[in-house]
């Protein structure tokens, strides 16, 4: 990503509680200070030894490097399609 498009990234930190583990493979997680939102995660995503009732801190950040890599791959695929479809400079590809 060009330097002029870089943005300051901050992390979102969320309080979470493991409400229960179902079938030994899915953790039901309650999110937020009031634990009103719920998500299900594979147990494999949890820290080793985490169990029912454990309190967690989930941190979410933007992965700029991964996004830039995906954008590069999309551009490469678009260029390849453009070459194969003989529609130079156009985005309405004939496949």
PDB file of N, CA and C in Angstrom:
ATOM      1  N   UNK A   1       0.851  -1.179   0.000  1.00  0.00           N
ATOM      2  CA  UNK A   1       0.000   0.000   0.000  1.00  0.00           C
ATOM      3  C   UNK A   1       0.887   1.230   0.000  1.00  0.00           C
ATOM      4  N   UNK A   2       0.625   2.214  -0.858  1.00  0.00           N
ATOM      5  CA  UNK A   2       1.448   3.410  -0.896  1.00  0.00           C
ATOM      6  C   UNK A   2       1.442   4.131   0.446  1.00  0.00           C
ATOM      7  N   UNK A   3       2.570   4.786   0.772  1.00  0.00           N
ATOM      8  CA  UNK A   3       2.696   5.477   2.052  1.00  0.00           C
ATOM      9  C   UNK A   3       1.612   6.510   2.289  1.00  0.00           C
ATOM     10  N   UNK A   4       1.134   7.188   1.219  1.00  0.00           N
ATOM     11  CA  UNK A   4       0.137   8.237   1.411  1.00  0.00           C
ATOM     12  C   UNK A   4      -1.225   7.669   1.805  1.00  0.00           C
ATOM     13  N   UNK A   5      -1.420   6.357   1.637  1.00  0.00           N
ATOM     14  CA  UNK A   5      -2.700   5.739   2.008  1.00  0.00           C
ATOM     15  C   UNK A   5      -2.648   5.080   3.376  1.00  0.00           C
ATOM     16  N   UNK A   6      -1.454   5.020   3.981  1.00  0.00           N
ATOM     17  CA  UNK A   6      -1.346   4.367   5.276  1.00  0.00           C
ATOM     18  C   UNK A   6      -2.180   5.129   6.300  1.00  0.00           C
ATOM     19  N   UNK A   7      -2.802   4.365   7.155  1.00  0.00           N
ATOM     20  CA  UNK A   7      -3.592   4.984   8.208  1.00  0.00           C
ATOM     21  C   UNK A   7      -3.077   4.476   9.546  1.00  0.00           C
ATOM     22  N   UNK A   8      -3.266   5.286  10.539  1.00  0.00           N
ATOM     23  CA  UNK A   8      -2.861   4.826  11.854  1.00  0.00           C
ATOM     24  C   UNK A   8      -3.805   3.726  12.280  1.00  0.00           C
ATOM     25  N   UNK A   9      -3.231   2.642  12.721  1.00  0.00           N
ATOM     26  CA  UNK A   9      -4.064   1.539  13.165  1.00  0.00           C
ATOM     27  C   UNK A   9      -4.032   1.469  14.676  1.00  0.00           C
ATOM     28  N   UNK A  10      -5.192   1.324  15.231  1.00  0.00           N
ATOM     29  CA  UNK A  10      -5.304   1.100  16.651  1.00  0.00           C
ATOM     30  C   UNK A  10      -6.002  -0.237  16.838  1.00  0.00           C
ATOM     31  N   UNK A  11      -5.866  -0.760  17.994  1.00  0.00           N
ATOM     32  CA  UNK A  11      -6.468  -2.056  18.274  1.00  0.00           C
ATOM     33  C   UNK A  11      -7.758  -1.861  19.059  1.00  0.00           C
ATOM     34  N   UNK A  12      -8.724  -2.714  18.769  1.00  0.00           N
ATOM     35  CA  UNK A  12      -9.945  -2.771  19.565  1.00  0.00           C
ATOM     36  C   UNK A  12      -9.764  -3.931  20.537  1.00  0.00           C
ATOM     37  N   UNK A  13     -10.013  -3.667  21.795  1.00  0.00           N
ATOM     38  CA  UNK A  13      -9.873  -4.691  22.816  1.00  0.00           C
ATOM     39  C   UNK A  13     -11.248  -4.966  23.412  1.00  0.00           C
ATOM     40  N   UNK A  14     -11.635  -6.238  23.428  1.00  0.00           N
ATOM     41  CA  UNK A  14     -12.987  -6.612  23.826  1.00  0.00           C
ATOM     42  C   UNK A  14     -12.925  -7.602  24.988  1.00  0.00           C
ATOM     43  N   UNK A  15     -13.712  -7.336  26.028  1.00  0.00           N
ATOM     44  CA  UNK A  15     -13.866  -8.277  27.138  1.00  0.00           C
ATOM     45  C   UNK A  15     -14.721  -9.439  26.651  1.00  0.00           C
ATOM     46  N   UNK A  16     -14.373 -10.655  27.047  1.00  0.00           N
ATOM     47  CA  UNK A  16     -15.135 -11.831  26.638  1.00  0.00           C
ATOM     48  C   UNK A  16     -15.110 -12.876  27.751  1.00  0.00           C
ATOM     49  N   UNK A  17     -16.149 -13.704  27.744  1.00  0.00           N
ATOM     50  CA  UNK A  17     -16.240 -14.799  28.708  1.00  0.00           C
ATOM     51  C   UNK A  17     -16.638 -16.060  27.960  1.00  0.00           C
ATOM     52  N   UNK A  18     -15.967 -17.164  28.282  1.00  0.00           N
ATOM     53  CA  UNK A  18     -16.370 -18.440  27.699  1.00  0.00           C
ATOM     54  C   UNK A  18     -17.597 -18.912  28.467  1.00  0.00           C
ATOM     55  N   UNK A  19     -18.753 -18.860  27.827  1.00  0.00           N
ATOM     56  CA  UNK A  19     -20.000 -19.274  28.457  1.00  0.00           C
ATOM     57  C   UNK A  19     -20.050 -20.789  28.597  1.00  0.00           C
ATOM     58  N   UNK A  20     -19.704 -21.484  27.503  1.00  0.00           N
ATOM     59  CA  UNK A  20     -19.729 -22.948  27.517  1.00  0.00           C
ATOM     60  C   UNK A  20     -18.978 -23.478  26.304  1.00  0.00           C
ATOM     61  N   UNK A  21     -18.623 -24.736  26.387  1.00  0.00           N
ATOM     62  CA  UNK A  21     -17.996 -25.425  25.266  1.00  0.00           C
ATOM     63  C   UNK A  21     -18.925 -26.559  24.872  1.00  0.00           C
ATOM     64  N   UNK A  22     -19.306 -26.568  23.606  1.00  0.00           N
ATOM     65  CA  UNK A  22     -20.259 -27.560  23.092  1.00  0.00           C
ATOM     66  C   UNK A  22     -19.526 -28.607  22.260  1.00  0.00           C
ATOM     67  N   UNK A  23     -19.831 -29.868  22.526  1.00  0.00           N
ATOM     68  CA  UNK A  23     -19.286 -31.001  21.769  1.00  0.00           C
ATOM     69  C   UNK A  23     -17.765 -31.003  21.703  1.00  0.00           C
ATOM     70  N   UNK A  24     -17.121 -30.427  22.684  1.00  0.00           N
ATOM     71  CA  UNK A  24     -15.649 -30.368  22.770  1.00  0.00           C
ATOM     72  C   UNK A  24     -14.983 -29.683  21.588  1.00  0.00           C
ATOM     73  N   UNK A  25     -15.764 -28.974  20.748  1.00  0.00           N
ATOM     74  CA  UNK A  25     -15.116 -28.320  19.606  1.00  0.00           C
ATOM     75  C   UNK A  25     -15.594 -26.902  19.341  1.00  0.00           C
ATOM     76  N   UNK A  26     -16.674 -26.467  19.978  1.00  0.00           N
ATOM     77  CA  UNK A  26     -17.188 -25.116  19.757  1.00  0.00           C
ATOM     78  C   UNK A  26     -17.323 -24.389  21.087  1.00  0.00           C
ATOM     79  N   UNK A  27     -16.685 -23.223  21.176  1.00  0.00           N
ATOM     80  CA  UNK A  27     -16.790 -22.396  22.374  1.00  0.00           C
ATOM     81  C   UNK A  27     -17.809 -21.294  22.126  1.00  0.00           C
ATOM     82  N   UNK A  28     -18.756 -21.158  23.031  1.00  0.00           N
ATOM     83  CA  UNK A  28     -19.738 -20.079  22.974  1.00  0.00           C
ATOM     84  C   UNK A  28     -19.166 -18.952  23.831  1.00  0.00           C
ATOM     85  N   UNK A  29     -18.875 -17.835  23.185  1.00  0.00           N
ATOM     86  CA  UNK A  29     -18.199 -16.704  23.821  1.00  0.00           C
ATOM     87  C   UNK A  29     -19.178 -15.538  23.936  1.00  0.00           C
ATOM     88  N   UNK A  30     -19.279 -14.956  25.129  1.00  0.00           N
ATOM     89  CA  UNK A  30     -20.088 -13.761  25.348  1.00  0.00           C
ATOM     90  C   UNK A  30     -19.156 -12.557  25.309  1.00  0.00           C
ATOM     91  N   UNK A  31     -19.543 -11.537  24.543  1.00  0.00           N
ATOM     92  CA  UNK A  31     -18.675 -10.384  24.298  1.00  0.00           C
ATOM     93  C   UNK A  31     -19.184  -9.118  24.965  1.00  0.00           C
ATOM     94  N   UNK A  32     -18.256  -8.244  25.306  1.00  0.00           N
ATOM     95  CA  UNK A  32     -18.585  -6.926  25.823  1.00  0.00           C
ATOM     96  C   UNK A  32     -18.698  -6.914  27.339  1.00  0.00           C
ATOM     97  N   UNK A  33     -18.672  -5.716  27.896  1.00  0.00           N
ATOM     98  CA  UNK A  33     -18.730  -5.576  29.350  1.00  0.00           C
ATOM     99  C   UNK A  33     -20.016  -6.137  29.936  1.00  0.00           C
ATOM    100  N   UNK A  34     -21.092  -6.067  29.187  1.00  0.00           N
ATOM    101  CA  UNK A  34     -22.371  -6.618  29.652  1.00  0.00           C
ATOM    102  C   UNK A  34     -22.640  -8.013  29.105  1.00  0.00           C
ATOM    103  N   UNK A  35     -21.705  -8.514  28.350  1.00  0.00           N
ATOM    104  CA  UNK A  35     -21.774  -9.872  27.796  1.00  0.00           C
ATOM    105  C   UNK A  35     -23.079 -10.120  27.038  1.00  0.00           C
ATOM    106  N   UNK A  36     -23.477  -9.124  26.214  1.00  0.00           N
ATOM    107  CA  UNK A  36     -24.749  -9.210  25.493  1.00  0.00           C
ATOM    108  C   UNK A  36     -24.612  -9.807  24.096  1.00  0.00           C
ATOM    109  N   UNK A  37     -23.439  -9.721  23.511  1.00  0.00           N
ATOM    110  CA  UNK A  37     -23.239 -10.287  22.168  1.00  0.00           C
ATOM    111  C   UNK A  37     -22.616 -11.669  22.312  1.00  0.00           C
ATOM    112  N   UNK A  38     -22.895 -12.528  21.340  1.00  0.00           N
ATOM    113  CA  UNK A  38     -22.399 -13.901  21.415  1.00  0.00           C
ATOM    114  C   UNK A  38     -21.784 -14.313  20.081  1.00  0.00           C
ATOM    115  N   UNK A  39     -20.670 -15.019  20.155  1.00  0.00           N
ATOM    116  CA  UNK A  39     -20.074 -15.626  18.970  1.00  0.00           C
ATOM    117  C   UNK A  39     -19.689 -17.065  19.318  1.00  0.00           C
ATOM    118  N   UNK A  40     -19.623 -17.891  18.302  1.00  0.00           N
ATOM    119  CA  UNK A  40     -19.146 -19.258  18.452  1.00  0.00           C
ATOM    120  C   UNK A  40     -17.797 -19.358  17.751  1.00  0.00           C
ATOM    121  N   UNK A  41     -16.832 -19.950  18.435  1.00  0.00           N
ATOM    122  CA  UNK A  41     -15.496 -20.120  17.874  1.00  0.00           C
ATOM    123  C   UNK A  41     -15.059 -21.571  18.027  1.00  0.00           C
ATOM    124  N   UNK A  42     -14.265 -22.055  17.101  1.00  0.00           N
ATOM    125  CA  UNK A  42     -13.668 -23.376  17.318  1.00  0.00           C
ATOM    126  C   UNK A  42     -12.772 -23.322  18.565  1.00  0.00           C
ATOM    127  N   UNK A  43     -12.820 -24.353  19.369  1.00  0.00           N
ATOM    128  CA  UNK A  43     -12.003 -24.411  20.578  1.00  0.00           C
ATOM    129  C   UNK A  43     -10.528 -24.241  20.226  1.00  0.00           C
ATOM    130  N   UNK A  44     -10.129 -24.686  19.049  1.00  0.00           N
ATOM    131  CA  UNK A  44      -8.724 -24.576  18.622  1.00  0.00           C
ATOM    132  C   UNK A  44      -8.245 -23.127  18.585  1.00  0.00           C
ATOM    133  N   UNK A  45      -9.157 -22.144  18.494  1.00  0.00           N
ATOM    134  CA  UNK A  45      -8.776 -20.733  18.472  1.00  0.00           C
ATOM    135  C   UNK A  45      -8.503 -20.179  19.865  1.00  0.00           C
ATOM    136  N   UNK A  46      -8.851 -20.911  20.900  1.00  0.00           N
ATOM    137  CA  UNK A  46      -8.687 -20.443  22.280  1.00  0.00           C
ATOM    138  C   UNK A  46      -7.295 -20.777  22.800  1.00  0.00           C
ATOM    139  N   UNK A  47      -6.846 -20.035  23.826  1.00  0.00           N
ATOM    140  CA  UNK A  47      -5.568 -20.398  24.445  1.00  0.00           C
ATOM    141  C   UNK A  47      -5.662 -21.803  25.058  1.00  0.00           C
ATOM    142  N   UNK A  48      -4.558 -22.509  25.042  1.00  0.00           N
ATOM    143  CA  UNK A  48      -4.542 -23.859  25.603  1.00  0.00           C
ATOM    144  C   UNK A  48      -4.991 -23.826  27.058  1.00  0.00           C
ATOM    145  N   UNK A  49      -5.882 -24.725  27.409  1.00  0.00           N
ATOM    146  CA  UNK A  49      -6.367 -24.831  28.784  1.00  0.00           C
ATOM    147  C   UNK A  49      -7.580 -23.964  29.093  1.00  0.00           C
ATOM    148  N   UNK A  50      -8.011 -23.127  28.146  1.00  0.00           N
ATOM    149  CA  UNK A  50      -9.182 -22.276  28.385  1.00  0.00           C
ATOM    150  C   UNK A  50     -10.416 -23.147  28.538  1.00  0.00           C
ATOM    151  N   UNK A  51     -11.289 -22.760  29.465  1.00  0.00           N
ATOM    152  CA  UNK A  51     -12.473 -23.564  29.729  1.00  0.00           C
ATOM    153  C   UNK A  51     -13.651 -22.677  30.135  1.00  0.00           C
ATOM    154  N   UNK A  52     -14.808 -23.313  30.359  1.00  0.00           N
ATOM    155  CA  UNK A  52     -16.022 -22.591  30.759  1.00  0.00           C
ATOM    156  C   UNK A  52     -15.724 -21.617  31.899  1.00  0.00           C
ATOM    157  N   UNK A  53     -16.255 -20.409  31.778  1.00  0.00           N
ATOM    158  CA  UNK A  53     -16.113 -19.416  32.835  1.00  0.00           C
ATOM    159  C   UNK A  53     -14.868 -18.562  32.751  1.00  0.00           C
ATOM    160  N   UNK A  54     -13.910 -18.948  31.919  1.00  0.00           N
ATOM    161  CA  UNK A  54     -12.695 -18.138  31.802  1.00  0.00           C
ATOM    162  C   UNK A  54     -13.007 -16.806  31.140  1.00  0.00           C
ATOM    163  N   UNK A  55     -12.371 -15.754  31.641  1.00  0.00           N
ATOM    164  CA  UNK A  55     -12.497 -14.418  31.063  1.00  0.00           C
ATOM    165  C   UNK A  55     -11.341 -14.222  30.099  1.00  0.00           C
ATOM    166  N   UNK A  56     -11.640 -13.606  28.975  1.00  0.00           N
ATOM    167  CA  UNK A  56     -10.657 -13.399  27.919  1.00  0.00           C
ATOM    168  C   UNK A  56     -10.580 -11.930  27.555  1.00  0.00           C
ATOM    169  N   UNK A  57      -9.500 -11.571  26.888  1.00  0.00           N
ATOM    170  CA  UNK A  57      -9.362 -10.246  26.288  1.00  0.00           C
ATOM    171  C   UNK A  57      -9.065 -10.508  24.829  1.00  0.00           C
ATOM    172  N   UNK A  58      -9.963 -10.086  23.940  1.00  0.00           N
ATOM    173  CA  UNK A  58      -9.794 -10.284  22.506  1.00  0.00           C
ATOM    174  C   UNK A  58      -9.337  -8.959  21.898  1.00  0.00           C
ATOM    175  N   UNK A  59      -8.252  -9.004  21.159  1.00  0.00           N
ATOM    176  CA  UNK A  59      -7.710  -7.808  20.522  1.00  0.00           C
ATOM    177  C   UNK A  59      -7.834  -7.960  19.016  1.00  0.00           C
ATOM    178  N   UNK A  60      -8.396  -6.940  18.366  1.00  0.00           N
ATOM    179  CA  UNK A  60      -8.578  -6.959  16.915  1.00  0.00           C
ATOM    180  C   UNK A  60      -7.794  -5.802  16.314  1.00  0.00           C
ATOM    181  N   UNK A  61      -6.963  -6.121  15.327  1.00  0.00           N
ATOM    182  CA  UNK A  61      -6.209  -5.085  14.617  1.00  0.00           C
ATOM    183  C   UNK A  61      -6.412  -5.269  13.119  1.00  0.00           C
ATOM    184  N   UNK A  62      -6.170  -4.222  12.380  1.00  0.00           N
ATOM    185  CA  UNK A  62      -6.246  -4.284  10.919  1.00  0.00           C
ATOM    186  C   UNK A  62      -4.915  -4.811  10.403  1.00  0.00           C
ATOM    187  N   UNK A  63      -4.973  -5.778   9.515  1.00  0.00           N
ATOM    188  CA  UNK A  63      -3.772  -6.389   8.942  1.00  0.00           C
ATOM    189  C   UNK A  63      -3.491  -5.741   7.588  1.00  0.00           C
ATOM    190  N   UNK A  64      -2.773  -4.632   7.612  1.00  0.00           N
ATOM    191  CA  UNK A  64      -2.463  -3.857   6.400  1.00  0.00           C
ATOM    192  C   UNK A  64      -1.665  -4.688   5.398  1.00  0.00           C
ATOM    193  N   UNK A  65      -0.717  -5.472   5.887  1.00  0.00           N
ATOM    194  CA  UNK A  65       0.132  -6.254   4.999  1.00  0.00           C
ATOM    195  C   UNK A  65      -0.683  -7.300   4.235  1.00  0.00           C
ATOM    196  N   UNK A  66      -1.589  -7.969   4.925  1.00  0.00           N
ATOM    197  CA  UNK A  66      -2.428  -8.970   4.276  1.00  0.00           C
ATOM    198  C   UNK A  66      -3.344  -8.326   3.238  1.00  0.00           C
ATOM    199  N   UNK A  67      -3.894  -7.162   3.577  1.00  0.00           N
ATOM    200  CA  UNK A  67      -4.762  -6.460   2.634  1.00  0.00           C
ATOM    201  C   UNK A  67      -3.986  -6.068   1.379  1.00  0.00           C
ATOM    202  N   UNK A  68      -2.789  -5.524   1.569  1.00  0.00           N
ATOM    203  CA  UNK A  68      -1.971  -5.109   0.427  1.00  0.00           C
ATOM    204  C   UNK A  68      -1.640  -6.309  -0.449  1.00  0.00           C
ATOM    205  N   UNK A  69      -1.340  -7.428   0.165  1.00  0.00           N
ATOM    206  CA  UNK A  69      -1.040  -8.643  -0.585  1.00  0.00           C
ATOM    207  C   UNK A  69      -2.256  -9.100  -1.390  1.00  0.00           C
ATOM    208  N   UNK A  70      -3.442  -9.049  -0.773  1.00  0.00           N
ATOM    209  CA  UNK A  70      -4.670  -9.440  -1.479  1.00  0.00           C
ATOM    210  C   UNK A  70      -4.948  -8.486  -2.640  1.00  0.00           C
ATOM    211  N   UNK A  71      -4.728  -7.180  -2.433  1.00  0.00           N
ATOM    212  CA  UNK A  71      -4.941  -6.206  -3.505  1.00  0.00           C
ATOM    213  C   UNK A  71      -3.980  -6.467  -4.672  1.00  0.00           C
ATOM    214  N   UNK A  72      -2.734  -6.794  -4.349  1.00  0.00           N
ATOM    215  CA  UNK A  72      -1.756  -7.105  -5.405  1.00  0.00           C
ATOM    216  C   UNK A  72      -2.201  -8.331  -6.203  1.00  0.00           C
ATOM    217  N   UNK A  73      -2.685  -9.347  -5.519  1.00  0.00           N
ATOM    218  CA  UNK A  73      -3.142 -10.567  -6.191  1.00  0.00           C
ATOM    219  C   UNK A  73      -4.353 -10.276  -7.073  1.00  0.00           C
ATOM    220  N   UNK A  74      -5.265  -9.451  -6.600  1.00  0.00           N
ATOM    221  CA  UNK A  74      -6.448  -9.087  -7.399  1.00  0.00           C
ATOM    222  C   UNK A  74      -6.019  -8.332  -8.650  1.00  0.00           C
ATOM    223  N   UNK A  75      -5.087  -7.375  -8.507  1.00  0.00           N
ATOM    224  CA  UNK A  75      -4.587  -6.635  -9.669  1.00  0.00           C
ATOM    225  C   UNK A  75      -3.935  -7.577 -10.680  1.00  0.00           C
ATOM    226  N   UNK A  76      -3.149  -8.530 -10.179  1.00  0.00           N
ATOM    227  CA  UNK A  76      -2.493  -9.493 -11.061  1.00  0.00           C
ATOM    228  C   UNK A  76      -3.533 -10.313 -11.820  1.00  0.00           C
ATOM    229  N   UNK A  77      -4.569 -10.776 -11.129  1.00  0.00           N
ATOM    230  CA  UNK A  77      -5.624 -11.549 -11.786  1.00  0.00           C
ATOM    231  C   UNK A  77      -6.398 -10.705 -12.791  1.00  0.00           C
ATOM    232  N   UNK A  78      -6.668  -9.442 -12.445  1.00  0.00           N
ATOM    233  CA  UNK A  78      -7.355  -8.551 -13.392  1.00  0.00           C
ATOM    234  C   UNK A  78      -6.504  -8.342 -14.643  1.00  0.00           C
ATOM    235  N   UNK A  79      -5.205  -8.137 -14.460  1.00  0.00           N
ATOM    236  CA  UNK A  79      -4.306  -7.950 -15.606  1.00  0.00           C
ATOM    237  C   UNK A  79      -4.300  -9.202 -16.486  1.00  0.00           C
ATOM    238  N   UNK A  80      -4.277 -10.361 -15.838  1.00  0.00           N
ATOM    239  CA  UNK A  80      -4.288 -11.612 -16.591  1.00  0.00           C
ATOM    240  C   UNK A  80      -5.591 -11.761 -17.375  1.00  0.00           C
ATOM    241  N   UNK A  81      -6.720 -11.449 -16.754  1.00  0.00           N
ATOM    242  CA  UNK A  81      -8.002 -11.518 -17.452  1.00  0.00           C
ATOM    243  C   UNK A  81      -8.061 -10.525 -18.609  1.00  0.00           C
ATOM    244  N   UNK A  82      -7.521  -9.335 -18.373  1.00  0.00           N
ATOM    245  CA  UNK A  82      -7.503  -8.316 -19.425  1.00  0.00           C
ATOM    246  C   UNK A  82      -6.721  -8.812 -20.634  1.00  0.00           C
ATOM    247  N   UNK A  83      -5.576  -9.429 -20.398  1.00  0.00           N
ATOM    248  CA  UNK A  83      -4.761  -9.951 -21.495  1.00  0.00           C
ATOM    249  C   UNK A  83      -5.480 -11.072 -22.241  1.00  0.00           C
ATOM    250  N   UNK A  84      -6.130 -11.947 -21.492  1.00  0.00           N
ATOM    251  CA  UNK A  84      -6.798 -13.103 -22.096  1.00  0.00           C
ATOM    252  C   UNK A  84      -8.072 -12.711 -22.843  1.00  0.00           C
ATOM    253  N   UNK A  85      -8.686 -11.606 -22.480  1.00  0.00           N
ATOM    254  CA  UNK A  85      -9.974 -11.250 -23.084  1.00  0.00           C
ATOM    255  C   UNK A  85      -9.853 -10.180 -24.169  1.00  0.00           C
ATOM    256  N   UNK A  86      -8.678  -9.657 -24.378  1.00  0.00           N
ATOM    257  CA  UNK A  86      -8.451  -8.620 -25.400  1.00  0.00           C
ATOM    258  C   UNK A  86      -9.306  -7.385 -25.159  1.00  0.00           C
ATOM    259  N   UNK A  87      -9.462  -6.981 -23.905  1.00  0.00           N
ATOM    260  CA  UNK A  87     -10.230  -5.778 -23.560  1.00  0.00           C
ATOM    261  C   UNK A  87      -9.323  -4.798 -22.835  1.00  0.00           C
ATOM    262  N   UNK A  88      -8.230  -4.455 -23.470  1.00  0.00           N
ATOM    263  CA  UNK A  88      -7.209  -3.602 -22.839  1.00  0.00           C
ATOM    264  C   UNK A  88      -7.821  -2.326 -22.263  1.00  0.00           C
ATOM    265  N   UNK A  89      -7.547  -2.110 -20.971  1.00  0.00           N
ATOM    266  CA  UNK A  89      -8.013  -0.902 -20.297  1.00  0.00           C
ATOM    267  C   UNK A  89      -9.459  -0.956 -19.865  1.00  0.00           C
ATOM    268  N   UNK A  90     -10.139  -2.053 -20.065  1.00  0.00           N
ATOM    269  CA  UNK A  90     -11.544  -2.156 -19.693  1.00  0.00           C
ATOM    270  C   UNK A  90     -11.694  -3.182 -18.575  1.00  0.00           C
ATOM    271  N   UNK A  91     -12.763  -3.065 -17.830  1.00  0.00           N
ATOM    272  CA  UNK A  91     -13.005  -4.005 -16.744  1.00  0.00           C
ATOM    273  C   UNK A  91     -14.212  -4.917 -17.053  1.00  0.00           C
ATOM    274  N   UNK A  92     -14.741  -4.809 -18.234  1.00  0.00           N
ATOM    275  CA  UNK A  92     -15.855  -5.708 -18.629  1.00  0.00           C
ATOM    276  C   UNK A  92     -15.259  -6.838 -19.449  1.00  0.00           C
ATOM    277  N   UNK A  93     -14.766  -7.840 -18.746  1.00  0.00           N
ATOM    278  CA  UNK A  93     -14.038  -8.925 -19.362  1.00  0.00           C
ATOM    279  C   UNK A  93     -14.973  -9.875 -20.110  1.00  0.00           C
ATOM    280  N   UNK A  94     -14.495 -10.368 -21.254  1.00  0.00           N
ATOM    281  CA  UNK A  94     -15.191 -11.421 -21.988  1.00  0.00           C
ATOM    282  C   UNK A  94     -14.461 -12.715 -21.694  1.00  0.00           C
ATOM    283  N   UNK A  95     -15.113 -13.603 -20.975  1.00  0.00           N
ATOM    284  CA  UNK A  95     -14.463 -14.852 -20.586  1.00  0.00           C
ATOM    285  C   UNK A  95     -14.732 -15.951 -21.555  1.00  0.00           C
TER     286      UNK A  95
END
